[in-house]
Protein backbone atom coordinates (compact mmCIF):
# COMPACT_ATOMS: atom_id res chain seq x y z
CA UNK A 1 57.21 21.82 16.27
CA UNK A 2 60.57 22.38 14.59
CA UNK A 3 64.01 22.57 16.18
CA UNK A 4 66.84 24.73 14.78
CA UNK A 5 70.55 24.81 15.69
CA UNK A 6 71.71 28.36 16.40
CA UNK A 7 75.50 28.67 16.15
CA UNK A 8 76.95 31.79 17.77
CA UNK A 9 80.66 31.16 17.22
CA UNK A 10 83.59 29.55 19.01
CA UNK A 11 85.83 30.54 21.94
CA UNK A 12 88.75 29.08 23.78
CA UNK A 13 89.16 27.95 27.38
CA UNK A 14 91.97 26.23 29.27
CA UNK A 15 91.80 22.51 28.76
CA UNK A 16 92.82 21.73 32.33
CA UNK A 17 90.03 23.93 33.65
CA UNK A 18 87.52 22.15 31.39
CA UNK A 19 88.52 18.69 32.51
CA UNK A 20 89.39 19.18 36.14
CA UNK A 21 91.44 16.38 37.67
CA UNK A 22 91.66 14.33 34.47
CA UNK A 23 95.25 14.38 33.08
CA UNK A 24 95.93 16.17 29.82
CA UNK A 25 97.42 13.00 28.38
CA UNK A 26 93.90 11.55 28.53
CA UNK A 27 91.59 14.47 27.71
CA UNK A 28 93.59 15.72 24.77
CA UNK A 29 92.63 12.56 22.88
CA UNK A 30 89.12 13.98 22.40
CA UNK A 31 89.82 17.72 22.76
CA UNK A 32 93.28 18.62 21.55
CA UNK A 33 94.80 21.84 22.95
CA UNK A 34 96.89 24.51 21.25
CA UNK A 35 100.38 25.63 22.35
CA UNK A 36 98.82 27.66 25.17
CA UNK A 37 96.82 24.66 26.50
CA UNK A 38 93.60 26.22 25.15
CA UNK A 39 90.87 24.12 23.62
CA UNK A 40 88.23 25.35 21.19
CA UNK A 41 84.60 25.23 22.32
CA UNK A 42 81.33 26.00 20.59
CA UNK A 43 78.55 28.19 21.84
CA UNK A 44 75.72 26.28 20.22
CA UNK A 45 72.15 27.32 21.09
CA UNK A 46 68.75 25.77 20.23
CA UNK A 47 65.63 27.38 18.77
CA UNK A 48 62.22 25.82 19.28
CA UNK A 49 59.63 26.90 16.72
CA UNK A 50 56.17 25.89 17.82
CA UNK A 51 53.10 27.71 16.46
CA UNK A 52 53.22 31.30 17.73
CA UNK A 53 56.07 30.52 20.11
CA UNK A 54 59.74 30.94 19.20
CA UNK A 55 61.79 29.81 22.20
CA UNK A 56 65.56 30.35 22.21
CA UNK A 57 67.62 28.30 24.66
CA UNK A 58 70.79 30.27 25.61
CA UNK A 59 72.34 32.96 23.41
CA UNK A 60 76.12 32.85 23.53
CA UNK A 61 78.60 35.40 24.72
CA UNK A 62 77.36 38.51 22.90
CA UNK A 63 79.44 41.37 21.56
CA UNK A 64 79.22 44.22 24.10
CA UNK A 65 82.19 43.44 26.27
CA UNK A 66 85.51 45.26 25.97
CA UNK A 67 88.45 44.16 23.83
CA UNK A 68 90.31 43.58 27.10
CA UNK A 69 87.61 41.07 28.13
CA UNK A 70 87.45 39.32 24.79
CA UNK A 71 91.22 38.89 24.41
CA UNK A 72 91.05 36.15 27.04
CA UNK A 73 88.61 34.02 25.06
CA UNK A 74 89.83 34.18 21.46
CA UNK A 75 86.39 34.43 19.79
CA UNK A 76 86.49 33.03 16.24
CA UNK A 77 84.33 31.51 13.50
CA UNK A 78 81.96 32.89 10.89
CA UNK A 79 78.75 32.40 12.89
CA UNK A 80 76.92 34.85 15.10
CA UNK A 81 73.58 34.87 16.88
CA UNK A 82 72.02 37.40 14.47
CA UNK A 83 73.41 35.70 11.39
CA UNK A 84 72.16 32.28 12.46
CA UNK A 85 68.62 33.68 13.14
CA UNK A 86 68.55 35.56 9.88
CA UNK A 87 69.59 32.50 7.89
CA UNK A 88 66.41 30.83 9.15
CA UNK A 89 64.27 33.82 8.26
CA UNK A 90 63.96 35.12 11.83
CA UNK A 91 65.07 38.22 13.64
CA UNK A 92 65.61 39.04 17.29
CA UNK A 93 62.16 40.66 17.45
CA UNK A 94 60.54 37.33 16.64
CA UNK A 95 61.78 35.54 19.78
CA UNK A 96 58.91 35.12 22.26
CA UNK A 97 60.84 33.39 25.07
CA UNK A 98 64.52 33.59 25.97
CA UNK A 99 65.20 30.53 28.16
CA UNK A 100 68.54 30.63 29.99
CA UNK A 101 70.09 27.44 31.29
CA UNK A 102 72.15 29.63 33.68
CA UNK A 103 73.61 33.08 33.82
CA UNK A 104 77.30 32.54 33.13
CA UNK A 105 78.47 35.04 30.49
CA UNK A 106 78.92 32.50 27.67
CA UNK A 107 75.32 31.42 27.99
CA UNK A 108 73.46 34.72 28.47
CA UNK A 109 75.72 37.51 27.17
CA UNK A 110 74.06 37.62 23.81
CA UNK A 111 70.70 38.59 25.35
CA UNK A 112 71.79 42.13 26.25
CA UNK A 113 73.39 44.73 23.96
CA UNK A 114 74.92 48.13 24.43
CA UNK A 115 73.54 51.03 22.38
CA UNK A 116 75.11 54.46 22.89
CA UNK A 117 76.44 53.32 26.27
CA UNK A 118 72.95 52.14 27.27
CA UNK A 119 72.19 48.49 28.02
CA UNK A 120 69.17 47.14 26.19
CA UNK A 121 67.42 43.82 25.59
CA UNK A 122 68.34 42.10 22.36
CA UNK A 123 64.99 40.26 22.31
CA UNK A 124 62.64 43.13 23.04
CA UNK A 125 59.46 41.13 22.67
CA UNK A 126 60.59 38.13 24.69
CA UNK A 127 60.18 36.92 28.23
CA UNK A 128 63.57 36.14 29.79
CA UNK A 129 63.45 32.94 31.86
CA UNK A 130 65.56 31.97 34.87
CA UNK A 131 64.55 30.67 38.34
CA UNK A 132 64.51 32.46 41.72
CA UNK A 133 67.21 30.32 43.30
CA UNK A 134 69.64 30.73 40.44
CA UNK A 135 68.87 34.44 40.11
CA UNK A 136 69.81 34.98 43.78
CA UNK A 137 72.95 32.92 43.23
CA UNK A 138 73.94 35.03 40.25
CA UNK A 139 73.10 38.45 41.68
CA UNK A 140 74.82 37.73 44.99
CA UNK A 141 77.75 35.75 43.54
CA UNK A 142 80.36 33.83 45.47
CA UNK A 143 83.97 34.83 44.95
CA UNK A 144 84.66 31.84 42.71
CA UNK A 145 81.90 32.59 40.21
CA UNK A 146 81.85 36.41 40.41
CA UNK A 147 83.84 36.71 37.17
CA UNK A 148 81.27 34.62 35.34
CA UNK A 149 78.17 36.50 36.52
CA UNK A 150 78.47 39.91 34.84
CA UNK A 151 75.93 42.45 36.09
CA UNK A 152 75.53 43.98 32.63
CA UNK A 153 74.30 40.60 31.37
CA UNK A 154 71.86 40.12 34.20
CA UNK A 155 70.25 43.18 35.74
CA UNK A 156 68.73 44.60 32.49
CA UNK A 157 66.44 41.59 32.36
CA UNK A 158 64.82 42.58 35.66
CA UNK A 159 64.99 46.33 35.09
CA UNK A 160 63.15 45.93 31.80
CA UNK A 161 60.28 44.02 33.40
CA UNK A 162 60.90 41.04 31.08
CA UNK A 163 62.27 38.65 33.74
CA UNK A 164 60.24 35.56 34.58
CA UNK A 165 60.98 32.58 36.85
CA UNK A 166 60.19 28.92 36.55
CA UNK A 167 59.03 27.31 39.81
CA UNK A 168 61.16 24.42 41.04
CA UNK A 169 58.10 22.93 42.80
CA UNK A 170 55.79 23.08 39.85
CA UNK A 171 55.73 21.58 36.34
CA UNK A 172 57.54 23.42 33.59
CA UNK A 173 55.64 26.47 32.27
CA UNK A 174 56.44 25.26 28.77
CA UNK A 175 54.40 22.57 27.06
CA UNK A 176 57.40 21.71 24.87
CA UNK A 177 59.73 20.52 27.62
CA UNK A 178 60.25 19.44 31.20
CA UNK A 179 63.18 20.81 33.23
CA UNK A 180 65.93 18.96 35.04
CA UNK A 181 67.53 21.21 37.69
CA UNK A 182 71.22 20.61 38.38
CA UNK A 183 73.35 22.29 41.07
CA UNK A 184 76.83 20.90 40.66
CA UNK A 185 78.12 23.33 38.03
CA UNK A 186 76.20 26.29 39.47
CA UNK A 187 73.10 26.50 41.60
CA UNK A 188 69.88 25.35 39.84
CA UNK A 189 71.10 25.26 36.28
CA UNK A 190 68.16 24.30 34.01
CA UNK A 191 68.36 21.45 31.52
CA UNK A 192 65.34 21.34 29.19
CA UNK A 193 64.12 17.87 28.20
CA UNK A 194 62.28 18.61 24.99
CA UNK A 195 59.46 16.35 23.85
CA UNK A 196 59.93 16.04 20.09
CA UNK A 197 57.71 13.47 18.28
CA UNK A 198 58.62 10.15 19.94
CA UNK A 199 62.00 11.40 21.22
CA UNK A 200 63.42 13.34 24.19
CA UNK A 201 66.09 15.83 23.26
CA UNK A 202 68.01 17.26 26.21
CA UNK A 203 69.83 20.59 26.05
CA UNK A 204 72.51 19.52 28.46
CA UNK A 205 74.29 22.92 28.86
CA UNK A 206 77.22 22.60 31.28
CA UNK A 207 76.08 19.36 32.86
CA UNK A 208 77.80 17.76 29.87
CA UNK A 209 79.81 20.36 27.90
CA UNK A 210 80.96 17.90 25.24
CA UNK A 211 80.92 14.25 24.25
CA UNK A 212 84.40 14.08 25.83
CA UNK A 213 82.85 14.75 29.26
CA UNK A 214 80.66 11.63 29.38
CA UNK A 215 82.91 9.55 31.76
CA UNK A 216 81.82 10.40 35.33
CA UNK A 217 85.19 11.70 36.63
CA UNK A 218 85.43 14.19 33.74
CA UNK A 219 84.12 17.17 35.70
CA UNK A 220 85.08 20.75 34.96
CA UNK A 221 87.29 22.68 37.32
CA UNK A 222 84.69 25.45 36.94
CA UNK A 223 82.04 23.41 38.73
CA UNK A 224 81.32 24.81 42.21
CA UNK A 225 80.23 21.46 43.68
CA UNK A 226 82.09 18.73 41.77
CA UNK A 227 80.87 15.85 43.93
CA UNK A 228 77.28 16.91 43.31
CA UNK A 229 78.07 17.06 39.60
CA UNK A 230 79.24 13.45 39.80
CA UNK A 231 75.93 12.39 41.38
CA UNK A 232 73.83 14.41 38.94
CA UNK A 233 75.74 13.13 35.89
CA UNK A 234 75.31 9.53 37.01
CA UNK A 235 71.55 9.88 37.55
CA UNK A 236 71.05 11.83 34.34
CA UNK A 237 73.23 9.63 32.11
CA UNK A 238 71.74 6.37 33.34
CA UNK A 239 68.28 7.81 32.61
CA UNK A 240 69.48 9.01 29.22
CA UNK A 241 70.88 5.59 28.34
CA UNK A 242 67.74 3.73 29.53
CA UNK A 243 65.36 6.06 27.67
CA UNK A 244 67.52 6.67 24.60
CA UNK A 245 67.62 10.46 25.11
CA UNK A 246 69.33 12.56 22.45
CA UNK A 247 71.79 14.91 24.13
CA UNK A 248 72.26 18.31 22.48
CA UNK A 249 75.83 19.50 23.16
CA UNK A 250 76.22 23.23 23.66
CA UNK A 251 80.04 23.40 23.82
CA UNK A 252 81.25 20.44 21.79
CA UNK A 253 83.31 21.96 18.97
CA UNK A 254 82.46 19.12 16.51
CA UNK A 255 79.44 17.19 17.62
CA UNK A 256 75.96 18.64 17.83
CA UNK A 257 74.27 15.63 19.40
CA UNK A 258 75.01 12.24 20.88
CA UNK A 259 73.40 9.28 22.50
CA UNK A 260 74.78 7.13 25.33
CA UNK A 261 74.54 3.46 26.31
CA UNK A 262 75.13 1.55 29.50
CA UNK A 263 77.54 -1.34 29.46
CA UNK A 264 78.33 -3.34 32.62
CA UNK A 265 77.08 -0.46 34.81
CA UNK A 266 79.02 2.24 33.03
CA UNK A 267 77.57 4.81 30.70
CA UNK A 268 79.56 5.35 27.54
CA UNK A 269 79.25 7.29 24.30
CA UNK A 270 77.07 5.56 21.75
CA UNK A 271 76.71 7.68 18.61
CA UNK A 272 77.39 11.32 17.56
CA UNK A 273 75.42 13.08 14.84
CA UNK A 274 73.97 16.40 13.64
CA UNK A 275 70.56 17.44 14.84
CA UNK A 276 69.21 17.57 11.26
CA UNK A 277 69.85 13.78 10.99
CA UNK A 278 66.95 13.11 13.39
CA UNK A 279 64.50 15.85 12.42
């Protein structure tokens, strides 16, 4: 099995929204903001190459939205989903499984494209994976998350017949990873815990957007249930520290991976590094 980083570019979000109740004077030490209080964030995905399977975890924001939509997010950088796949010798047609941590637009928008005003799957040969609880949450969105669950990103998966669900009460359908389900950020977000050689590599999605979010109170304003996020982070991070998990960071603009350690009951950042340093 081989793991590949898939960079899809950068975007900007309000720093205050990304760090919730934490004061700017503190969070800007790790994530400096521009004059408009916007911080740069990555949309970093992960590709698992294992025999005949090519499993992509998340796919970025995509390119089909209107200029009016994109002007709010300041997309930048030289990377794109297609470019990153091509650099590895792959194409969209090669993907066998499109695993989505959750259905917010910056995680799943790259899975659907618009051709001649028609919405089509980008990964035409792939199964698209979500879970029934999160699917219902996304297709019947609450007022707070409605702007993040875009129907053009979601419904084509089902309409195409390519949508598949994991079962929360059964083991993961993938031999390559187990799944940790988290409901603080959004209902039943999926965090794959990938079994790689003698290591566990966790694609932490929005449970831990960046290395700067490791302290427990550093919870995004976007989270629908922040107190549950606190509980989930504490459980997950203590487990990560005890078992020396490698955390793959989807949104950190600088660091691809990190490890954590527990000191006097508190989990703190240990090391940061690129994925290729451990492969």
